[in-house]
Amino acid sequence: MQINTLGPFGPVSRLTLGGGGIGQLWGEASDKDSVDTLRRAVDTGIDLIDTAPGYRNCEKMVAKAFGGKLPDGVRITTKYSLGTPPLAEVYDRLRVSLDASLAAMLLPRVDLMILHSEIRPDDFEYPAGQPPKDIRSTSLSLYRQAVVPAFERLVSEGLIGAWGITGINHAAATIDAMSSGPRPAVVQTIANLMDSPGEMNGTGLAPRPRDVITAAKTYGVGVMGVRAVQAGALTSGIDRPEHSPTSADFDRAASYRALCKQWGEDPAIVAYRYAIGMDGVETLVLGVKNVAELEQALDAERRGPLDAEQVAAIDALGLRL
């Protein structure tokens, strides 16, 4: 497996195992599927596991797979959806969530803790029907005044090795958050050929993930790409509900599947190879839920990025948001 440098976080495998699938958050998966996927990922050279308490059983599966002792060289993340609470509560909320994650995984520390809620401008108002803004997002001012100091404190206490942010939907606020120090070690952002976050959006804004990736490179922040196959929208089949943003993306990607058929290629593998080749993406976070899905991504990683002509043909389909 190719090793890249994830900003100040350091060397990391080109693929990261994400926690949504192994947490049995979507589709049918058993504890055996999750444990087998975790162990297979590590055996094949994946050295970063991306967890979160919001990924249902994910952190428990890490404990079940490794018994509180990660294999040599393997690092782990966790996250917390903070929202915008009172400033004085920020550290305590992060610490409570972190302590629960450590207990669930049977670990004394994590290598990276990520703010799971998106960062928004203070005065942004979400469209009708969205969750309250202070529940789903963290205001830019609170991020600067309290979140950054809280993360830095957790680093100094030896409970986390580094910290990062989620850079989805509010591109301008994410770029602003990375523009001055202390800067996050990493940002997680969308990395797929449609530039689509699917149901993760809901802001009414264009997601602009490539602008976030470009800014991260400028500011020396590592990039963890997510949603390479857009939750199944860029595969040959889909296991998400109908009439969702992801199923709409699946329908919109019909021309992409036709192109892959013309090439004699599996759409999922092509989508992974496209994302692997995106400039600035150092590691791609997989949302796989079993070994079979993992093997597709591993096959794509072994084959490496698409050639320039293939990328141009995909981009010519006009699928980017």
Protein backbone atom coordinates (compact mmCIF):
# COMPACT_ATOMS: atom_id res chain seq x y z
CA MET A 1 0.00 0.00 0.00
CA GLN A 2 1.31 3.45 -0.92
CA ILE A 3 2.20 5.68 2.01
CA ASN A 4 1.48 9.42 1.81
CA THR A 5 2.11 12.29 4.21
CA LEU A 6 -1.07 13.53 5.89
CA GLY A 7 0.12 17.05 6.67
CA PRO A 8 1.60 17.36 10.17
CA PHE A 9 -0.07 14.08 11.16
CA GLY A 10 2.67 12.34 9.25
CA PRO A 11 2.95 9.19 7.10
CA VAL A 12 -0.31 7.33 6.52
CA SER A 13 -1.60 4.62 4.23
CA ARG A 14 -3.34 5.84 1.07
CA LEU A 15 -6.52 4.17 2.34
CA THR A 16 -8.08 4.67 5.79
CA LEU A 17 -10.75 2.35 7.16
CA GLY A 18 -13.82 4.42 8.05
CA GLY A 19 -16.17 3.54 10.86
CA GLY A 20 -19.63 3.92 9.33
CA GLY A 21 -19.66 0.56 7.60
CA ILE A 22 -17.95 -1.41 10.35
CA GLY A 23 -20.30 0.27 12.83
CA GLN A 24 -23.20 -1.32 10.93
CA LEU A 25 -24.66 2.11 10.27
CA TRP A 26 -26.00 1.22 6.83
CA GLY A 27 -26.77 -1.98 5.00
CA GLU A 28 -26.69 -5.47 6.42
CA ALA A 29 -23.57 -6.31 8.41
CA SER A 30 -22.78 -8.54 11.37
CA ASP A 31 -20.22 -8.30 14.16
CA LYS A 32 -18.21 -10.93 12.28
CA ASP A 33 -18.29 -8.78 9.13
CA SER A 34 -17.00 -5.80 11.11
CA VAL A 35 -14.24 -7.67 12.93
CA ASP A 36 -13.12 -9.47 9.77
CA THR A 37 -13.02 -6.16 7.87
CA LEU A 38 -10.97 -4.46 10.58
CA ARG A 39 -8.44 -7.30 10.71
CA ARG A 40 -8.22 -7.64 6.93
CA ALA A 41 -7.67 -3.89 6.55
CA VAL A 42 -4.75 -3.92 8.96
CA ASP A 43 -3.28 -7.06 7.39
CA THR A 44 -3.22 -5.36 3.98
CA GLY A 45 -1.37 -2.26 5.18
CA ILE A 46 -4.13 0.14 6.17
CA ASP A 47 -2.71 1.90 9.23
CA LEU A 48 -5.44 4.43 10.15
CA ILE A 49 -8.91 3.60 11.48
CA ASP A 50 -11.43 6.46 11.54
CA THR A 51 -14.05 5.99 14.26
CA ALA A 52 -16.76 8.04 15.94
CA PRO A 53 -19.35 7.44 18.66
CA GLY A 54 -21.97 8.40 16.08
CA TYR A 55 -21.01 5.40 13.97
CA ARG A 56 -23.19 3.12 16.06
CA ASN A 57 -21.20 -0.03 17.00
CA CYS A 58 -17.92 1.06 15.43
CA GLU A 59 -15.86 1.71 18.56
CA LYS A 60 -17.07 -1.49 20.19
CA MET A 61 -16.02 -3.41 17.09
CA VAL A 62 -12.51 -1.96 17.40
CA ALA A 63 -12.32 -3.35 20.93
CA LYS A 64 -13.73 -6.67 19.78
CA ALA A 65 -11.20 -6.95 16.96
CA PHE A 66 -8.08 -5.88 18.86
CA GLY A 67 -8.85 -6.32 22.55
CA GLY A 68 -7.49 -2.92 23.55
CA LYS A 69 -4.11 -3.39 21.85
CA LEU A 70 -3.86 -1.93 18.37
CA PRO A 71 -1.47 -3.69 15.98
CA ASP A 72 1.96 -2.08 15.69
CA GLY A 73 1.90 1.05 13.55
CA VAL A 74 -1.89 1.35 13.48
CA ARG A 75 -3.35 4.69 14.55
CA ILE A 76 -6.90 5.61 15.39
CA THR A 77 -9.21 8.62 15.33
CA THR A 78 -12.43 9.53 17.03
CA LYS A 79 -14.83 12.43 16.58
CA TYR A 80 -17.43 14.47 18.41
CA SER A 81 -20.45 16.35 17.07
CA LEU A 82 -20.18 19.35 19.35
CA GLY A 83 -22.65 21.80 17.85
CA THR A 84 -22.58 25.27 19.42
CA PRO A 85 -22.97 24.93 23.20
CA PRO A 86 -22.05 27.62 25.74
CA LEU A 87 -18.36 28.42 25.53
CA ALA A 88 -17.64 27.24 29.08
CA GLU A 89 -18.95 23.74 28.28
CA VAL A 90 -16.80 23.00 25.22
CA TYR A 91 -13.82 21.29 26.89
CA ASP A 92 -16.01 19.22 29.22
CA ARG A 93 -18.19 18.01 26.35
CA LEU A 94 -15.21 17.03 24.25
CA ARG A 95 -13.62 15.29 27.24
CA VAL A 96 -16.77 13.35 28.15
CA SER A 97 -17.15 12.11 24.57
CA LEU A 98 -13.46 11.24 24.33
CA ASP A 99 -13.51 9.34 27.62
CA ALA A 100 -16.51 7.32 26.43
CA SER A 101 -14.77 6.52 23.14
CA LEU A 102 -11.59 5.43 24.90
CA ALA A 103 -13.59 3.20 27.23
CA ALA A 104 -15.50 1.67 24.32
CA MET A 105 -12.28 0.93 22.39
CA LEU A 106 -10.31 -0.09 25.51
CA LEU A 107 -7.61 2.44 24.66
CA PRO A 108 -5.71 5.00 26.79
CA ARG A 109 -5.54 7.64 24.01
CA VAL A 110 -6.33 8.31 20.36
CA ASP A 111 -4.01 9.67 17.72
CA LEU A 112 -6.49 12.16 16.31
CA MET A 113 -9.77 13.71 17.46
CA ILE A 114 -11.92 15.45 14.88
CA LEU A 115 -14.68 18.02 15.32
CA HIS A 116 -17.53 16.14 13.66
CA SER A 117 -19.96 19.03 13.36
CA GLU A 118 -19.45 21.35 10.39
CA ILE A 119 -18.12 24.85 11.00
CA ARG A 120 -20.47 27.63 9.86
CA PRO A 121 -20.45 31.42 9.78
CA ASP A 122 -21.97 32.80 12.98
CA ASP A 123 -24.88 34.44 11.17
CA PHE A 124 -25.75 31.54 8.83
CA GLU A 125 -29.36 30.35 8.85
CA TYR A 126 -30.22 26.90 7.54
CA PRO A 127 -33.17 26.26 5.23
CA ALA A 128 -36.49 25.23 6.76
CA GLY A 129 -36.65 21.59 7.82
CA GLN A 130 -33.01 21.31 8.87
CA PRO A 131 -31.99 20.60 12.48
CA PRO A 132 -31.39 23.69 14.64
CA LYS A 133 -28.11 25.33 13.63
CA ASP A 134 -26.60 25.10 17.12
CA ILE A 135 -27.24 21.35 17.11
CA ARG A 136 -25.85 20.46 13.69
CA SER A 137 -22.99 22.96 13.37
CA THR A 138 -20.29 24.82 15.29
CA SER A 139 -20.07 28.58 14.86
CA LEU A 140 -16.78 29.90 13.56
CA SER A 141 -16.36 32.17 16.59
CA LEU A 142 -16.87 29.29 19.06
CA TYR A 143 -14.40 27.19 17.09
CA ARG A 144 -11.74 29.86 17.49
CA GLN A 145 -12.53 30.90 21.06
CA ALA A 146 -13.12 27.52 22.67
CA VAL A 147 -12.76 24.48 20.40
CA VAL A 148 -9.16 25.10 19.39
CA PRO A 149 -8.01 25.76 23.00
CA ALA A 150 -9.90 22.67 24.18
CA PHE A 151 -8.25 20.45 21.58
CA GLU A 152 -4.84 21.92 22.39
CA ARG A 153 -5.46 21.13 26.06
CA LEU A 154 -6.34 17.52 25.24
CA VAL A 155 -3.07 17.25 23.31
CA SER A 156 -1.13 18.64 26.27
CA GLU A 157 -2.83 16.13 28.56
CA GLY A 158 -1.67 13.26 26.35
CA LEU A 159 -5.19 12.07 25.54
CA ILE A 160 -5.02 12.89 21.83
CA GLY A 161 -2.04 13.16 19.55
CA ALA A 162 -3.52 15.78 17.21
CA TRP A 163 -6.87 17.25 16.18
CA GLY A 164 -8.81 18.01 13.04
CA ILE A 165 -12.02 19.41 11.60
CA THR A 166 -14.83 18.37 9.29
CA GLY A 167 -14.79 20.49 6.16
CA ILE A 168 -18.09 19.66 4.48
CA ASN A 169 -20.77 22.06 3.15
CA HIS A 170 -19.52 25.42 4.49
CA ALA A 171 -16.43 25.79 2.30
CA ALA A 172 -15.80 29.46 3.10
CA ALA A 173 -16.00 28.93 6.87
CA THR A 174 -13.81 25.82 6.66
CA ILE A 175 -11.17 27.71 4.71
CA ASP A 176 -11.37 30.57 7.22
CA ALA A 177 -10.86 28.08 10.07
CA MET A 178 -7.69 26.78 8.42
CA SER A 179 -6.32 30.20 7.55
CA SER A 180 -4.67 31.02 10.88
CA GLY A 181 -3.15 29.08 13.77
CA PRO A 182 -3.29 27.01 15.71
CA ARG A 183 -4.33 25.08 12.62
CA PRO A 184 -5.90 21.60 12.55
CA ALA A 185 -3.62 18.76 11.58
CA VAL A 186 -6.23 17.43 9.15
CA VAL A 187 -9.51 18.27 7.49
CA GLN A 188 -12.03 15.70 6.30
CA THR A 189 -13.80 16.70 3.11
CA ILE A 190 -15.67 15.23 0.16
CA ALA A 191 -13.52 13.50 -2.46
CA ASN A 192 -15.61 12.05 -5.27
CA LEU A 193 -16.09 12.67 -8.96
CA MET A 194 -19.47 14.40 -8.38
CA ASP A 195 -18.22 16.66 -5.55
CA SER A 196 -21.37 15.51 -3.78
CA PRO A 197 -21.92 15.11 -0.03
CA GLY A 198 -25.38 13.65 -0.67
CA GLU A 199 -27.65 13.78 2.37
CA MET A 200 -24.85 15.29 4.44
CA ASN A 201 -25.60 18.70 2.89
CA GLY A 202 -28.90 20.50 3.45
CA THR A 203 -27.36 23.97 3.63
CA GLY A 204 -28.54 25.16 0.24
CA LEU A 205 -24.88 25.97 -0.54
CA ALA A 206 -22.64 24.48 -3.20
CA PRO A 207 -20.26 22.14 -1.33
CA ARG A 208 -17.02 23.25 -3.11
CA PRO A 209 -14.82 20.46 -1.73
CA ARG A 210 -12.01 21.09 -4.23
CA ASP A 211 -11.67 24.64 -2.93
CA VAL A 212 -11.31 23.22 0.59
CA ILE A 213 -8.66 20.75 -0.60
CA THR A 214 -6.72 23.50 -2.37
CA ALA A 215 -6.82 25.71 0.73
CA ALA A 216 -5.70 22.82 2.95
CA LYS A 217 -2.64 22.34 0.74
CA THR A 218 -1.90 26.07 0.98
CA TYR A 219 -2.10 26.06 4.78
CA GLY A 220 -0.26 22.77 5.33
CA VAL A 221 -3.34 20.86 6.58
CA GLY A 222 -3.63 17.16 5.72
CA VAL A 223 -6.66 16.03 3.71
CA MET A 224 -8.72 12.94 4.49
CA GLY A 225 -11.10 12.39 1.58
CA VAL A 226 -14.51 10.87 2.30
CA ARG A 227 -17.40 9.50 0.23
CA ALA A 228 -15.34 8.30 -2.74
CA VAL A 229 -18.31 6.27 -3.99
CA GLN A 230 -20.85 8.75 -2.57
CA ALA A 231 -22.52 6.25 -0.26
CA GLY A 232 -23.12 3.86 -3.17
CA ALA A 233 -24.31 6.40 -5.74
CA LEU A 234 -21.17 5.70 -7.81
CA THR A 235 -21.46 1.91 -7.70
CA SER A 236 -23.43 -0.55 -9.80
CA GLY A 237 -26.11 -0.83 -7.11
CA ILE A 238 -27.32 1.08 -4.09
CA ASP A 239 -28.51 0.07 -0.61
CA ARG A 240 -29.81 3.47 0.53
CA PRO A 241 -33.51 4.45 0.66
CA GLU A 242 -35.21 5.69 -2.47
CA HIS A 243 -36.04 9.39 -2.76
CA SER A 244 -32.90 10.41 -0.90
CA PRO A 245 -30.10 12.72 -2.11
CA THR A 246 -27.93 9.62 -2.53
CA SER A 247 -30.50 7.81 -4.67
CA ALA A 248 -30.89 11.01 -6.71
CA ASP A 249 -27.12 11.02 -7.26
CA PHE A 250 -27.31 7.36 -8.30
CA ASP A 251 -29.89 8.25 -10.94
CA ARG A 252 -27.85 11.25 -12.07
CA ALA A 253 -24.77 9.04 -12.45
CA ALA A 254 -26.37 6.80 -15.10
CA SER A 255 -24.03 8.23 -17.76
CA TYR A 256 -21.07 7.40 -15.52
CA ARG A 257 -22.13 3.77 -15.17
CA ALA A 258 -22.59 3.61 -18.95
CA LEU A 259 -19.05 4.92 -19.44
CA CYS A 260 -17.67 2.34 -17.00
CA LYS A 261 -19.55 -0.40 -18.89
CA GLN A 262 -18.00 0.84 -22.12
CA TRP A 263 -14.58 0.53 -20.48
CA GLY A 264 -15.42 -2.90 -19.04
CA GLU A 265 -14.81 -1.57 -15.52
CA ASP A 266 -16.64 -1.77 -12.19
CA PRO A 267 -18.03 1.71 -11.34
CA ALA A 268 -16.97 1.45 -7.68
CA ILE A 269 -13.36 0.67 -8.55
CA VAL A 270 -13.25 3.52 -11.08
CA ALA A 271 -14.71 5.90 -8.48
CA TYR A 272 -12.07 4.88 -5.93
CA ARG A 273 -9.29 5.32 -8.48
CA TYR A 274 -10.63 8.76 -9.42
CA ALA A 275 -10.68 9.84 -5.77
CA ILE A 276 -7.23 8.37 -5.05
CA GLY A 277 -5.86 10.50 -7.86
CA MET A 278 -7.41 13.79 -6.72
CA ASP A 279 -4.64 16.30 -6.13
CA GLY A 280 -4.24 17.07 -2.44
CA VAL A 281 -6.08 14.03 -1.03
CA GLU A 282 -3.55 12.14 1.09
CA THR A 283 -5.75 9.34 2.40
CA LEU A 284 -9.15 8.11 1.33
CA VAL A 285 -11.57 7.07 4.09
CA LEU A 286 -13.52 3.94 3.16
CA GLY A 287 -17.12 3.42 4.20
CA VAL A 288 -17.03 -0.32 3.54
CA LYS A 289 -19.01 -2.73 5.71
CA ASN A 290 -17.54 -6.12 4.80
CA VAL A 291 -14.45 -7.74 3.38
CA ALA A 292 -15.87 -7.98 -0.15
CA GLU A 293 -16.38 -4.21 -0.30
CA LEU A 294 -12.94 -3.67 1.21
CA GLU A 295 -11.35 -5.84 -1.46
CA GLN A 296 -12.82 -3.59 -4.17
CA ALA A 297 -11.12 -0.57 -2.62
CA LEU A 298 -7.86 -2.49 -2.18
CA ASP A 299 -7.97 -3.50 -5.83
CA ALA A 300 -8.43 0.14 -6.79
CA GLU A 301 -5.52 1.21 -4.60
CA ARG A 302 -3.24 -1.40 -6.13
CA ARG A 303 -4.12 -0.20 -9.64
CA GLY A 304 -3.61 3.42 -8.66
CA PRO A 305 -5.09 6.62 -10.09
CA LEU A 306 -6.89 6.75 -13.43
CA ASP A 307 -4.98 8.08 -16.41
CA ALA A 308 -5.56 11.67 -17.51
CA GLU A 309 -7.76 10.67 -20.46
CA GLN A 310 -10.10 8.68 -18.22
CA VAL A 311 -10.39 11.54 -15.73
CA ALA A 312 -11.16 13.95 -18.59
CA ALA A 313 -13.84 11.61 -19.93
CA ILE A 314 -15.51 11.42 -16.53
CA ASP A 315 -15.33 15.16 -15.97
CA ALA A 316 -16.83 15.72 -19.43
CA LEU A 317 -20.02 14.01 -18.23
CA GLY A 318 -20.81 17.20 -16.27
CA LEU A 319 -21.70 15.44 -13.01
CA ARG A 320 -19.96 17.83 -10.61
CA LEU A 321 -22.22 19.93 -8.41
